C-alpha atoms as a PDB file:
ATOM      1  CA  UNK A   1       0.000   0.000   0.000  1.00  0.00           C
ATOM      2  CA  UNK A   2       1.307   3.404  -0.893  1.00  0.00           C
ATOM      3  CA  UNK A   3       2.265   5.878   1.798  1.00  0.00           C
ATOM      4  CA  UNK A   4      -0.418   8.301   0.568  1.00  0.00           C
ATOM      5  CA  UNK A   5      -3.155   5.701   1.015  1.00  0.00           C
ATOM      6  CA  UNK A   6      -2.007   4.901   4.555  1.00  0.00           C
ATOM      7  CA  UNK A   7      -2.067   8.578   5.494  1.00  0.00           C
ATOM      8  CA  UNK A   8      -5.584   8.958   4.091  1.00  0.00           C
ATOM      9  CA  UNK A   9      -6.806   5.898   6.001  1.00  0.00           C
ATOM     10  CA  UNK A  10      -5.159   7.030   9.246  1.00  0.00           C
ATOM     11  CA  UNK A  11      -6.657  10.501   8.814  1.00  0.00           C
ATOM     12  CA  UNK A  12     -10.131   9.087   8.134  1.00  0.00           C
ATOM     13  CA  UNK A  13      -9.942   6.817  11.188  1.00  0.00           C
ATOM     14  CA  UNK A  14      -8.837   9.753  13.353  1.00  0.00           C
ATOM     15  CA  UNK A  15     -11.767  11.871  12.146  1.00  0.00           C
ATOM     16  CA  UNK A  16     -14.233   9.036  12.833  1.00  0.00           C
ATOM     17  CA  UNK A  17     -12.820   8.468  16.352  1.00  0.00           C
ATOM     18  CA  UNK A  18     -12.998  12.181  17.170  1.00  0.00           C
ATOM     19  CA  UNK A  19     -16.581  12.349  15.896  1.00  0.00           C
ATOM     20  CA  UNK A  20     -17.598   9.311  17.953  1.00  0.00           C
ATOM     21  CA  UNK A  21     -15.968  10.698  21.114  1.00  0.00           C
ATOM     22  CA  UNK A  22     -17.801  14.016  20.616  1.00  0.00           C
ATOM     23  CA  UNK A  23     -21.149  12.262  20.167  1.00  0.00           C
ATOM     24  CA  UNK A  24     -20.637  10.050  23.231  1.00  0.00           C
ATOM     25  CA  UNK A  25     -19.593  13.098  25.257  1.00  0.00           C
ATOM     26  CA  UNK A  26     -22.741  14.955  24.216  1.00  0.00           C
ATOM     27  CA  UNK A  27     -24.982  11.954  24.901  1.00  0.00           C
ATOM     28  CA  UNK A  28     -23.600  11.343  28.382  1.00  0.00           C
ATOM     29  CA  UNK A  29     -22.504  14.806  29.541  1.00  0.00           C
ATOM     30  CA  UNK A  30     -24.358  17.304  27.284  1.00  0.00           C
ATOM     31  CA  UNK A  31     -21.152  18.831  25.931  1.00  0.00           C
ATOM     32  CA  UNK A  32     -19.543  18.088  22.572  1.00  0.00           C
ATOM     33  CA  UNK A  33     -16.083  18.603  24.065  1.00  0.00           C
ATOM     34  CA  UNK A  34     -14.854  15.172  25.230  1.00  0.00           C
ATOM     35  CA  UNK A  35     -11.857  16.747  26.987  1.00  0.00           C
ATOM     36  CA  UNK A  36     -14.067  18.912  29.239  1.00  0.00           C
ATOM     37  CA  UNK A  37     -16.355  15.997  30.075  1.00  0.00           C
ATOM     38  CA  UNK A  38     -13.372  13.714  30.705  1.00  0.00           C
ATOM     39  CA  UNK A  39     -11.771  16.242  33.044  1.00  0.00           C
ATOM     40  CA  UNK A  40     -15.080  16.669  34.884  1.00  0.00           C
ATOM     41  CA  UNK A  41     -15.466  12.915  35.272  1.00  0.00           C
ATOM     42  CA  UNK A  42     -11.890  12.614  36.603  1.00  0.00           C
ATOM     43  CA  UNK A  43     -12.498  15.450  39.097  1.00  0.00           C
ATOM     44  CA  UNK A  44     -15.507  13.590  40.509  1.00  0.00           C
ATOM     45  CA  UNK A  45     -14.226  10.013  40.429  1.00  0.00           C
ATOM     46  CA  UNK A  46     -10.482  10.285  40.994  1.00  0.00           C
ATOM     47  CA  UNK A  47      -9.936  13.599  42.760  1.00  0.00           C
ATOM     48  CA  UNK A  48     -13.068  13.235  44.908  1.00  0.00           C
ATOM     49  CA  UNK A  49     -14.458  16.707  44.221  1.00  0.00           C
ATOM     50  CA  UNK A  50     -18.174  17.239  44.834  1.00  0.00           C
ATOM     51  CA  UNK A  51     -18.892  18.801  41.447  1.00  0.00           C
ATOM     52  CA  UNK A  52     -17.396  20.029  38.184  1.00  0.00           C
ATOM     53  CA  UNK A  53     -18.878  22.378  35.614  1.00  0.00           C
ATOM     54  CA  UNK A  54     -18.262  20.930  32.135  1.00  0.00           C
ATOM     55  CA  UNK A  55     -20.176  23.394  29.954  1.00  0.00           C
ATOM     56  CA  UNK A  56     -21.108  27.068  30.190  1.00  0.00           C
ATOM     57  CA  UNK A  57     -23.888  27.485  27.645  1.00  0.00           C
ATOM     58  CA  UNK A  58     -26.075  25.673  28.355  1.00  0.00           C
ATOM     59  CA  UNK A  59     -24.643  25.124  31.801  1.00  0.00           C
ATOM     60  CA  UNK A  60     -23.895  21.516  32.733  1.00  0.00           C
ATOM     61  CA  UNK A  61     -22.654  20.409  36.139  1.00  0.00           C
ATOM     62  CA  UNK A  62     -21.480  16.914  37.055  1.00  0.00           C
ATOM     63  CA  UNK A  63     -21.793  15.855  40.682  1.00  0.00           C
ATOM     64  CA  UNK A  64     -20.929  13.010  42.981  1.00  0.00           C
ATOM     65  CA  UNK A  65     -23.934  10.657  42.684  1.00  0.00           C
ATOM     66  CA  UNK A  66     -24.131   9.848  46.407  1.00  0.00           C
ATOM     67  CA  UNK A  67     -25.288  13.329  47.417  1.00  0.00           C
ATOM     68  CA  UNK A  68     -26.050  14.866  44.033  1.00  0.00           C
ATOM     69  CA  UNK A  69     -29.223  16.775  44.942  1.00  0.00           C
ATOM     70  CA  UNK A  70     -27.672  18.242  48.091  1.00  0.00           C
ATOM     71  CA  UNK A  71     -24.673  19.468  46.089  1.00  0.00           C
ATOM     72  CA  UNK A  72     -27.008  20.943  43.458  1.00  0.00           C
ATOM     73  CA  UNK A  73     -29.035  22.728  46.139  1.00  0.00           C
ATOM     74  CA  UNK A  74     -25.866  24.215  47.676  1.00  0.00           C
ATOM     75  CA  UNK A  75     -24.720  25.481  44.264  1.00  0.00           C
ATOM     76  CA  UNK A  76     -27.976  27.203  43.341  1.00  0.00           C
ATOM     77  CA  UNK A  77     -28.489  28.688  46.813  1.00  0.00           C
ATOM     78  CA  UNK A  78     -24.960  30.110  46.821  1.00  0.00           C
ATOM     79  CA  UNK A  79     -25.770  31.796  43.489  1.00  0.00           C
ATOM     80  CA  UNK A  80     -28.965  33.366  44.835  1.00  0.00           C
ATOM     81  CA  UNK A  81     -31.516  31.029  43.249  1.00  0.00           C
ATOM     82  CA  UNK A  82     -34.638  29.812  44.988  1.00  0.00           C
ATOM     83  CA  UNK A  83     -35.684  26.201  44.455  1.00  0.00           C
ATOM     84  CA  UNK A  84     -39.347  26.065  43.396  1.00  0.00           C
ATOM     85  CA  UNK A  85     -40.337  22.493  42.540  1.00  0.00           C
ATOM     86  CA  UNK A  86     -39.433  19.141  41.045  1.00  0.00           C
ATOM     87  CA  UNK A  87     -41.423  17.434  38.302  1.00  0.00           C
ATOM     88  CA  UNK A  88     -39.824  14.037  37.733  1.00  0.00           C
ATOM     89  CA  UNK A  89     -36.277  14.702  36.588  1.00  0.00           C
ATOM     90  CA  UNK A  90     -37.056  18.380  35.887  1.00  0.00           C
ATOM     91  CA  UNK A  91     -36.392  21.096  38.449  1.00  0.00           C
ATOM     92  CA  UNK A  92     -37.554  24.687  38.493  1.00  0.00           C
ATOM     93  CA  UNK A  93     -35.510  27.481  40.082  1.00  0.00           C
ATOM     94  CA  UNK A  94     -36.084  31.256  40.242  1.00  0.00           C
ATOM     95  CA  UNK A  95     -33.749  34.251  40.568  1.00  0.00           C
ATOM     96  CA  UNK A  96     -34.923  37.860  40.319  1.00  0.00           C
ATOM     97  CA  UNK A  97     -38.273  36.700  38.943  1.00  0.00           C
ATOM     98  CA  UNK A  98     -36.681  34.755  36.089  1.00  0.00           C
ATOM     99  CA  UNK A  99     -37.523  31.055  35.990  1.00  0.00           C
ATOM    100  CA  UNK A 100     -35.049  28.454  34.805  1.00  0.00           C
ATOM    101  CA  UNK A 101     -35.554  24.781  34.081  1.00  0.00           C
ATOM    102  CA  UNK A 102     -32.947  22.167  34.861  1.00  0.00           C
ATOM    103  CA  UNK A 103     -32.870  18.478  33.955  1.00  0.00           C
ATOM    104  CA  UNK A 104     -31.185  15.961  36.220  1.00  0.00           C
ATOM    105  CA  UNK A 105     -29.844  12.520  35.449  1.00  0.00           C
ATOM    106  CA  UNK A 106     -28.276  10.607  38.319  1.00  0.00           C
ATOM    107  CA  UNK A 107     -26.902   7.080  38.096  1.00  0.00           C
ATOM    108  CA  UNK A 108     -24.425   5.090  40.179  1.00  0.00           C
ATOM    109  CA  UNK A 109     -21.428   6.751  38.469  1.00  0.00           C
ATOM    110  CA  UNK A 110     -22.284  10.432  38.115  1.00  0.00           C
ATOM    111  CA  UNK A 111     -24.982  13.055  38.567  1.00  0.00           C
ATOM    112  CA  UNK A 112     -25.640  15.453  35.673  1.00  0.00           C
ATOM    113  CA  UNK A 113     -27.530  18.737  36.015  1.00  0.00           C
ATOM    114  CA  UNK A 114     -28.294  20.447  32.678  1.00  0.00           C
ATOM    115  CA  UNK A 115     -29.757  23.956  32.439  1.00  0.00           C
ATOM    116  CA  UNK A 116     -32.226  24.561  29.617  1.00  0.00           C
ATOM    117  CA  UNK A 117     -30.436  27.730  28.487  1.00  0.00           C
END
């Protein structure tokens, strides 16, 4: 096989792997950046931190699954939000009269809190 063909194949495989990692990152962590989500996961699992923000817009926070809701409540209260209600995995918070919706997904490995906007 010619050197040119090998380079094309290696390049195509690299593009496919990057695309797959971005899609998996978005599916699991709601951010297309697999490096940010990987760092957040490491902060929770290896470094033992309570939470890590992995995306700014829309905001996504990963938490320790054992006390995920308590961590979430501490975060929003420290930022001046008032917790209004929970509807299944959806949560409603208010700050200065502006309502925001947040989706939660908590499993045995990680807690994910995703703002709507």
